[in-house]
Protein backbone atom coordinates (compact mmCIF):
# COMPACT_ATOMS: atom_id res chain seq x y z
CA MET A 1 25.51 8.30 13.34
CA ARG A 2 26.68 11.31 14.95
CA LEU A 3 30.17 10.28 13.99
CA GLY A 4 28.74 9.79 9.88
CA LEU A 5 27.32 13.04 9.58
CA LYS A 6 30.37 14.53 11.62
CA TYR A 7 32.30 12.61 8.41
CA TYR A 8 29.92 13.36 5.88
CA TYR A 9 29.54 17.79 6.11
CA GLY A 10 32.74 17.63 7.97
CA ASP A 11 32.13 18.79 11.19
CA GLY A 12 34.87 18.99 13.30
CA VAL A 13 36.56 15.89 11.35
CA LYS A 14 38.17 15.91 7.58
CA GLN A 15 35.74 15.66 4.99
CA ASP A 16 34.92 12.35 4.15
CA ARG A 17 32.20 11.14 1.82
CA LYS A 18 33.44 7.12 2.65
CA VAL A 19 33.97 6.75 5.88
CA ALA A 20 31.13 8.64 6.45
CA LEU A 21 29.19 5.61 3.78
CA ARG A 22 31.15 3.12 6.00
CA LEU A 23 29.74 4.59 9.36
CA TYR A 24 26.21 4.52 8.02
CA HIS A 25 26.59 0.34 6.54
CA MET A 26 27.69 -0.91 9.88
CA ALA A 27 24.77 1.63 12.13
CA ALA A 28 22.29 0.01 8.89
CA GLU A 29 23.58 -3.46 9.55
CA GLN A 30 22.98 -3.10 13.46
CA GLU A 31 19.02 -2.57 12.14
CA ASN A 32 19.04 1.26 13.23
CA PRO A 33 15.97 2.56 10.98
CA ALA A 34 17.09 6.22 11.70
CA ILE A 35 19.57 5.52 9.19
CA GLN A 36 18.00 2.69 7.13
CA PHE A 37 15.51 5.64 6.46
CA GLU A 38 19.00 8.51 5.63
CA LEU A 39 21.14 6.00 3.85
CA GLY A 40 18.30 4.44 2.22
CA VAL A 41 18.10 8.66 0.74
CA MET A 42 20.79 7.91 -0.28
CA TYR A 43 20.73 6.25 -2.28
CA TYR A 44 17.56 6.87 -3.55
CA GLU A 45 19.15 10.18 -4.67
CA GLY A 46 22.38 9.14 -5.47
CA ARG A 47 23.65 12.00 -2.32
CA GLY A 48 26.86 11.39 -2.14
CA ILE A 49 26.46 7.43 -4.03
CA GLU A 50 25.75 6.06 -7.13
CA LEU A 51 22.09 6.46 -7.84
CA ASN A 52 20.55 2.76 -6.85
CA ARG A 53 16.99 3.35 -5.92
CA ALA A 54 16.38 -0.95 -5.13
CA GLU A 55 18.91 -1.15 -2.59
CA ALA A 56 16.55 2.71 -2.13
CA ALA A 57 13.34 0.47 -1.78
CA ARG A 58 14.92 -2.24 0.86
CA LEU A 59 16.64 0.07 2.97
CA PHE A 60 13.70 2.32 3.83
CA ARG A 61 11.55 -1.02 4.64
CA LYS A 62 14.13 -2.37 7.09
CA ALA A 63 13.86 0.89 8.09
CA ALA A 64 9.23 1.13 7.18
CA GLU A 65 9.51 -2.57 9.10
CA GLN A 66 10.19 -1.24 12.47
CA GLY A 67 7.61 1.72 12.41
CA HIS A 68 9.79 4.86 10.64
CA SER A 69 7.21 6.44 9.85
CA ALA A 70 8.77 8.74 6.77
CA ALA A 71 11.10 5.51 5.46
CA GLN A 72 7.13 3.86 5.64
CA PHE A 73 5.77 7.11 2.76
CA ASN A 74 9.62 7.20 0.76
CA LEU A 75 8.67 3.42 0.72
CA GLY A 76 5.43 4.04 -0.99
CA ILE A 77 6.82 6.85 -3.07
CA VAL A 78 9.91 4.65 -3.92
CA CYS A 79 7.24 1.14 -4.89
CA ASP A 80 6.16 3.88 -8.13
CA LYS A 81 9.94 3.72 -9.43
CA VAL A 82 11.26 0.48 -8.28
CA MET A 83 9.91 -3.24 -7.78
CA VAL A 84 10.14 -4.77 -4.75
């Protein structure tokens, strides 16, 4: 997670959002709810990645099911915009 952040913001390494997103996806696949939430936000806002509210909802749901409270909140917001 931290390495992904470093690449995303260029903190101590050359900024490379493609590498950052690949690292985020790898961490999300490992059922990391904090990363699932962050990746969901990226998809929801189209921040560094193509906007995809359905994928954001999927990631928020995965994190919410693991007790991530911010993901639970965001899932409620996304449900207004996307059928999940």
